[in-house]
Amino acid sequence: MILYLTFPVAMFWISNQAEWFENDVIQRKRELWPPDKRQELEEFKERIRKQREERLLRAAQRNS
């Protein structure tokens, strides 16, 4: 019975020790999203934002 109570509490406590996993998480994020890809992503977001603004502007002009 003690195992049923101890195991979940121990897993919760371990998973909340951020300093144990912080370096691994940062390294993994840098591997997945290097800075050059981040720049490409920002450029893509900017293009999408401009297209959306142009579409809304055209729709507003048609409705006026």
PDB file of N, CA and C in Angstrom:
ATOM      1  N   MET A   1       0.827  -1.199   0.000  1.00  0.00           N
ATOM      2  CA  MET A   1       0.000   0.000   0.000  1.00  0.00           C
ATOM      3  C   MET A   1       0.866   1.256   0.000  1.00  0.00           C
ATOM      4  N   ILE A   2       1.966   1.201   0.729  1.00  0.00           N
ATOM      5  CA  ILE A   2       2.854   2.367   0.776  1.00  0.00           C
ATOM      6  C   ILE A   2       3.436   2.646  -0.599  1.00  0.00           C
ATOM      7  N   LEU A   3       3.712   1.601  -1.374  1.00  0.00           N
ATOM      8  CA  LEU A   3       4.247   1.781  -2.720  1.00  0.00           C
ATOM      9  C   LEU A   3       3.257   2.547  -3.596  1.00  0.00           C
ATOM     10  N   TYR A   4       1.976   2.273  -3.469  1.00  0.00           N
ATOM     11  CA  TYR A   4       0.958   2.962  -4.253  1.00  0.00           C
ATOM     12  C   TYR A   4       0.914   4.451  -3.937  1.00  0.00           C
ATOM     13  N   LEU A   5       1.264   4.821  -2.738  1.00  0.00           N
ATOM     14  CA  LEU A   5       1.273   6.232  -2.362  1.00  0.00           C
ATOM     15  C   LEU A   5       2.621   6.887  -2.641  1.00  0.00           C
ATOM     16  N   THR A   6       3.700   6.145  -2.434  1.00  0.00           N
ATOM     17  CA  THR A   6       5.033   6.715  -2.570  1.00  0.00           C
ATOM     18  C   THR A   6       5.411   6.948  -4.026  1.00  0.00           C
ATOM     19  N   PHE A   7       5.113   6.009  -4.896  1.00  0.00           N
ATOM     20  CA  PHE A   7       5.533   6.111  -6.291  1.00  0.00           C
ATOM     21  C   PHE A   7       5.005   7.373  -6.979  1.00  0.00           C
ATOM     22  N   PRO A   8       3.712   7.676  -6.948  1.00  0.00           N
ATOM     23  CA  PRO A   8       3.236   8.891  -7.619  1.00  0.00           C
ATOM     24  C   PRO A   8       3.818  10.166  -7.013  1.00  0.00           C
ATOM     25  N   VAL A   9       3.968  10.180  -5.703  1.00  0.00           N
ATOM     26  CA  VAL A   9       4.533  11.363  -5.052  1.00  0.00           C
ATOM     27  C   VAL A   9       5.980  11.541  -5.474  1.00  0.00           C
ATOM     28  N   ALA A  10       6.737  10.448  -5.513  1.00  0.00           N
ATOM     29  CA  ALA A  10       8.143  10.522  -5.926  1.00  0.00           C
ATOM     30  C   ALA A  10       8.259  10.966  -7.379  1.00  0.00           C
ATOM     31  N   MET A  11       7.434  10.450  -8.266  1.00  0.00           N
ATOM     32  CA  MET A  11       7.481  10.846  -9.679  1.00  0.00           C
ATOM     33  C   MET A  11       7.116  12.322  -9.838  1.00  0.00           C
ATOM     34  N   PHE A  12       6.135  12.776  -9.102  1.00  0.00           N
ATOM     35  CA  PHE A  12       5.762  14.188  -9.150  1.00  0.00           C
ATOM     36  C   PHE A  12       6.916  15.055  -8.672  1.00  0.00           C
ATOM     37  N   TRP A  13       7.555  14.663  -7.582  1.00  0.00           N
ATOM     38  CA  TRP A  13       8.663  15.438  -7.029  1.00  0.00           C
ATOM     39  C   TRP A  13       9.833  15.476  -8.011  1.00  0.00           C
ATOM     40  N   ILE A  14      10.173  14.333  -8.608  1.00  0.00           N
ATOM     41  CA  ILE A  14      11.289  14.275  -9.557  1.00  0.00           C
ATOM     42  C   ILE A  14      10.991  15.123 -10.789  1.00  0.00           C
ATOM     43  N   SER A  15       9.789  15.048 -11.307  1.00  0.00           N
ATOM     44  CA  SER A  15       9.459  15.804 -12.515  1.00  0.00           C
ATOM     45  C   SER A  15       9.434  17.305 -12.265  1.00  0.00           C
ATOM     46  N   ASN A  16       9.318  17.728 -11.028  1.00  0.00           N
ATOM     47  CA  ASN A  16       9.318  19.151 -10.713  1.00  0.00           C
ATOM     48  C   ASN A  16      10.694  19.685 -10.328  1.00  0.00           C
ATOM     49  N   GLN A  17      11.725  18.883 -10.471  1.00  0.00           N
ATOM     50  CA  GLN A  17      13.094  19.337 -10.222  1.00  0.00           C
ATOM     51  C   GLN A  17      13.661  19.873 -11.535  1.00  0.00           C
ATOM     52  N   ALA A  18      13.306  21.100 -11.881  1.00  0.00           N
ATOM     53  CA  ALA A  18      13.652  21.673 -13.181  1.00  0.00           C
ATOM     54  C   ALA A  18      15.154  21.744 -13.409  1.00  0.00           C
ATOM     55  N   GLU A  19      15.918  22.017 -12.371  1.00  0.00           N
ATOM     56  CA  GLU A  19      17.364  22.150 -12.566  1.00  0.00           C
ATOM     57  C   GLU A  19      18.002  20.840 -13.023  1.00  0.00           C
ATOM     58  N   TRP A  20      17.374  19.715 -12.774  1.00  0.00           N
ATOM     59  CA  TRP A  20      17.910  18.430 -13.223  1.00  0.00           C
ATOM     60  C   TRP A  20      17.785  18.277 -14.740  1.00  0.00           C
ATOM     61  N   PHE A  21      16.763  18.867 -15.322  1.00  0.00           N
ATOM     62  CA  PHE A  21      16.464  18.674 -16.738  1.00  0.00           C
ATOM     63  C   PHE A  21      16.714  19.912 -17.584  1.00  0.00           C
ATOM     64  N   GLU A  22      17.007  21.035 -16.957  1.00  0.00           N
ATOM     65  CA  GLU A  22      17.082  22.310 -17.659  1.00  0.00           C
ATOM     66  C   GLU A  22      18.098  22.293 -18.800  1.00  0.00           C
ATOM     67  N   ASN A  23      19.312  21.837 -18.551  1.00  0.00           N
ATOM     68  CA  ASN A  23      20.340  21.836 -19.596  1.00  0.00           C
ATOM     69  C   ASN A  23      19.966  20.924 -20.755  1.00  0.00           C
ATOM     70  N   ASP A  24      19.394  19.776 -20.455  1.00  0.00           N
ATOM     71  CA  ASP A  24      18.991  18.852 -21.519  1.00  0.00           C
ATOM     72  C   ASP A  24      17.882  19.450 -22.376  1.00  0.00           C
ATOM     73  N   VAL A  25      16.943  20.117 -21.755  1.00  0.00           N
ATOM     74  CA  VAL A  25      15.835  20.721 -22.494  1.00  0.00           C
ATOM     75  C   VAL A  25      16.346  21.852 -23.384  1.00  0.00           C
ATOM     76  N   ILE A  26      17.222  22.683 -22.854  1.00  0.00           N
ATOM     77  CA  ILE A  26      17.774  23.790 -23.639  1.00  0.00           C
ATOM     78  C   ILE A  26      18.562  23.258 -24.826  1.00  0.00           C
ATOM     79  N   GLN A  27      19.384  22.237 -24.594  1.00  0.00           N
ATOM     80  CA  GLN A  27      20.170  21.656 -25.680  1.00  0.00           C
ATOM     81  C   GLN A  27      19.261  21.054 -26.748  1.00  0.00           C
ATOM     82  N   ARG A  28      18.225  20.355 -26.333  1.00  0.00           N
ATOM     83  CA  ARG A  28      17.308  19.732 -27.290  1.00  0.00           C
ATOM     84  C   ARG A  28      16.569  20.783 -28.112  1.00  0.00           C
ATOM     85  N   LYS A  29      16.155  21.874 -27.472  1.00  0.00           N
ATOM     86  CA  LYS A  29      15.475  22.945 -28.203  1.00  0.00           C
ATOM     87  C   LYS A  29      16.408  23.580 -29.224  1.00  0.00           C
ATOM     88  N   ARG A  30      17.674  23.737 -28.869  1.00  0.00           N
ATOM     89  CA  ARG A  30      18.645  24.303 -29.819  1.00  0.00           C
ATOM     90  C   ARG A  30      18.885  23.360 -30.990  1.00  0.00           C
ATOM     91  N   GLU A  31      18.832  22.053 -30.746  1.00  0.00           N
ATOM     92  CA  GLU A  31      18.977  21.095 -31.838  1.00  0.00           C
ATOM     93  C   GLU A  31      17.770  21.138 -32.768  1.00  0.00           C
ATOM     94  N   LEU A  32      16.588  21.234 -32.195  1.00  0.00           N
ATOM     95  CA  LEU A  32      15.374  21.215 -33.007  1.00  0.00           C
ATOM     96  C   LEU A  32      15.144  22.525 -33.750  1.00  0.00           C
ATOM     97  N   TRP A  33      15.417  23.629 -33.092  1.00  0.00           N
ATOM     98  CA  TRP A  33      15.168  24.938 -33.682  1.00  0.00           C
ATOM     99  C   TRP A  33      16.419  25.804 -33.601  1.00  0.00           C
ATOM    100  N   PRO A  34      17.394  25.573 -34.502  1.00  0.00           N
ATOM    101  CA  PRO A  34      18.595  26.415 -34.479  1.00  0.00           C
ATOM    102  C   PRO A  34      18.242  27.850 -34.872  1.00  0.00           C
ATOM    103  N   PRO A  35      19.116  28.802 -34.538  1.00  0.00           N
ATOM    104  CA  PRO A  35      18.809  30.216 -34.801  1.00  0.00           C
ATOM    105  C   PRO A  35      18.504  30.521 -36.264  1.00  0.00           C
ATOM    106  N   ASP A  36      19.182  29.871 -37.219  1.00  0.00           N
ATOM    107  CA  ASP A  36      18.888  30.164 -38.623  1.00  0.00           C
ATOM    108  C   ASP A  36      17.481  29.721 -39.001  1.00  0.00           C
ATOM    109  N   LYS A  37      17.012  28.617 -38.454  1.00  0.00           N
ATOM    110  CA  LYS A  37      15.634  28.201 -38.702  1.00  0.00           C
ATOM    111  C   LYS A  37      14.659  29.153 -38.022  1.00  0.00           C
ATOM    112  N   ARG A  38      15.045  29.689 -36.890  1.00  0.00           N
ATOM    113  CA  ARG A  38      14.184  30.641 -36.192  1.00  0.00           C
ATOM    114  C   ARG A  38      13.988  31.883 -37.064  1.00  0.00           C
ATOM    115  N   GLN A  39      15.056  32.329 -37.727  1.00  0.00           N
ATOM    116  CA  GLN A  39      14.956  33.488 -38.607  1.00  0.00           C
ATOM    117  C   GLN A  39      14.013  33.172 -39.767  1.00  0.00           C
ATOM    118  N   GLU A  40      14.134  31.983 -40.340  1.00  0.00           N
ATOM    119  CA  GLU A  40      13.234  31.585 -41.422  1.00  0.00           C
ATOM    120  C   GLU A  40      11.786  31.563 -40.937  1.00  0.00           C
ATOM    121  N   LEU A  41      11.576  31.084 -39.742  1.00  0.00           N
ATOM    122  CA  LEU A  41      10.230  31.035 -39.180  1.00  0.00           C
ATOM    123  C   LEU A  41       9.670  32.443 -38.994  1.00  0.00           C
ATOM    124  N   GLU A  42      10.493  33.354 -38.501  1.00  0.00           N
ATOM    125  CA  GLU A  42      10.036  34.733 -38.318  1.00  0.00           C
ATOM    126  C   GLU A  42       9.697  35.375 -39.663  1.00  0.00           C
ATOM    127  N   GLU A  43      10.501  35.106 -40.683  1.00  0.00           N
ATOM    128  CA  GLU A  43      10.212  35.645 -42.014  1.00  0.00           C
ATOM    129  C   GLU A  43       8.902  35.074 -42.554  1.00  0.00           C
ATOM    130  N   PHE A  44       8.684  33.795 -42.337  1.00  0.00           N
ATOM    131  CA  PHE A  44       7.440  33.165 -42.775  1.00  0.00           C
ATOM    132  C   PHE A  44       6.238  33.785 -42.074  1.00  0.00           C
ATOM    133  N   LYS A  45       6.348  33.985 -40.772  1.00  0.00           N
ATOM    134  CA  LYS A  45       5.261  34.607 -40.013  1.00  0.00           C
ATOM    135  C   LYS A  45       4.976  36.013 -40.526  1.00  0.00           C
ATOM    136  N   GLU A  46       6.030  36.740 -40.857  1.00  0.00           N
ATOM    137  CA  GLU A  46       5.859  38.104 -41.367  1.00  0.00           C
ATOM    138  C   GLU A  46       5.135  38.080 -42.715  1.00  0.00           C
ATOM    139  N   ARG A  47       5.498  37.150 -43.603  1.00  0.00           N
ATOM    140  CA  ARG A  47       4.815  37.046 -44.898  1.00  0.00           C
ATOM    141  C   ARG A  47       3.342  36.714 -44.713  1.00  0.00           C
ATOM    142  N   ILE A  48       3.037  35.799 -43.823  1.00  0.00           N
ATOM    143  CA  ILE A  48       1.642  35.423 -43.565  1.00  0.00           C
ATOM    144  C   ILE A  48       0.871  36.608 -42.999  1.00  0.00           C
ATOM    145  N   ARG A  49       1.506  37.350 -42.081  1.00  0.00           N
ATOM    146  CA  ARG A  49       0.844  38.515 -41.489  1.00  0.00           C
ATOM    147  C   ARG A  49       0.535  39.559 -42.558  1.00  0.00           C
ATOM    148  N   LYS A  50       1.487  39.802 -43.466  1.00  0.00           N
ATOM    149  CA  LYS A  50       1.260  40.782 -44.534  1.00  0.00           C
ATOM    150  C   LYS A  50       0.145  40.332 -45.469  1.00  0.00           C
ATOM    151  N   GLN A  51       0.127  39.056 -45.819  1.00  0.00           N
ATOM    152  CA  GLN A  51      -0.939  38.542 -46.680  1.00  0.00           C
ATOM    153  C   GLN A  51      -2.299  38.695 -46.012  1.00  0.00           C
ATOM    154  N   ARG A  52      -2.371  38.414 -44.730  1.00  0.00           N
ATOM    155  CA  ARG A  52      -3.629  38.534 -43.999  1.00  0.00           C
ATOM    156  C   ARG A  52      -4.085  39.991 -43.964  1.00  0.00           C
ATOM    157  N   GLU A  53      -3.143  40.906 -43.715  1.00  0.00           N
ATOM    158  CA  GLU A  53      -3.495  42.328 -43.690  1.00  0.00           C
ATOM    159  C   GLU A  53      -4.004  42.787 -45.051  1.00  0.00           C
ATOM    160  N   GLU A  54      -3.329  42.356 -46.127  1.00  0.00           N
ATOM    161  CA  GLU A  54      -3.765  42.744 -47.468  1.00  0.00           C
ATOM    162  C   GLU A  54      -5.156  42.197 -47.777  1.00  0.00           C
ATOM    163  N   ARG A  55      -5.413  40.955 -47.392  1.00  0.00           N
ATOM    164  CA  ARG A  55      -6.721  40.347 -47.623  1.00  0.00           C
ATOM    165  C   ARG A  55      -7.808  41.095 -46.855  1.00  0.00           C
ATOM    166  N   LEU A  56      -7.532  41.440 -45.602  1.00  0.00           N
ATOM    167  CA  LEU A  56      -8.512  42.183 -44.811  1.00  0.00           C
ATOM    168  C   LEU A  56      -8.738  43.580 -45.381  1.00  0.00           C
ATOM    169  N   LEU A  57      -7.668  44.201 -45.866  1.00  0.00           N
ATOM    170  CA  LEU A  57      -7.793  45.535 -46.455  1.00  0.00           C
ATOM    171  C   LEU A  57      -8.641  45.482 -47.720  1.00  0.00           C
ATOM    172  N   ARG A  58      -8.400  44.491 -48.579  1.00  0.00           N
ATOM    173  CA  ARG A  58      -9.213  44.347 -49.799  1.00  0.00           C
ATOM    174  C   ARG A  58     -10.674  44.078 -49.451  1.00  0.00           C
ATOM    175  N   ALA A  59     -10.914  43.249 -48.451  1.00  0.00           N
ATOM    176  CA  ALA A  59     -12.291  42.952 -48.045  1.00  0.00           C
ATOM    177  C   ALA A  59     -12.968  44.203 -47.500  1.00  0.00           C
ATOM    178  N   ALA A  60     -12.229  45.006 -46.753  1.00  0.00           N
ATOM    179  CA  ALA A  60     -12.800  46.236 -46.206  1.00  0.00           C
ATOM    180  C   ALA A  60     -13.104  47.229 -47.322  1.00  0.00           C
ATOM    181  N   GLN A  61     -12.251  47.291 -48.332  1.00  0.00           N
ATOM    182  CA  GLN A  61     -12.482  48.213 -49.447  1.00  0.00           C
ATOM    183  C   GLN A  61     -13.681  47.768 -50.281  1.00  0.00           C
ATOM    184  N   ARG A  62     -13.861  46.460 -50.438  1.00  0.00           N
ATOM    185  CA  ARG A  62     -15.013  45.960 -51.190  1.00  0.00           C
ATOM    186  C   ARG A  62     -16.319  46.241 -50.452  1.00  0.00           C
ATOM    187  N   ASN A  63     -16.287  46.177 -49.135  1.00  0.00           N
ATOM    188  CA  ASN A  63     -17.500  46.383 -48.346  1.00  0.00           C
ATOM    189  C   ASN A  63     -17.831  47.856 -48.153  1.00  0.00           C
ATOM    190  N   SER A  64     -16.896  48.742 -48.443  1.00  0.00           N
ATOM    191  CA  SER A  64     -17.147  50.178 -48.237  1.00  0.00           C
ATOM    192  C   SER A  64     -17.951  50.776 -49.351  1.00  0.00           C
TER     193      SER A  64
END
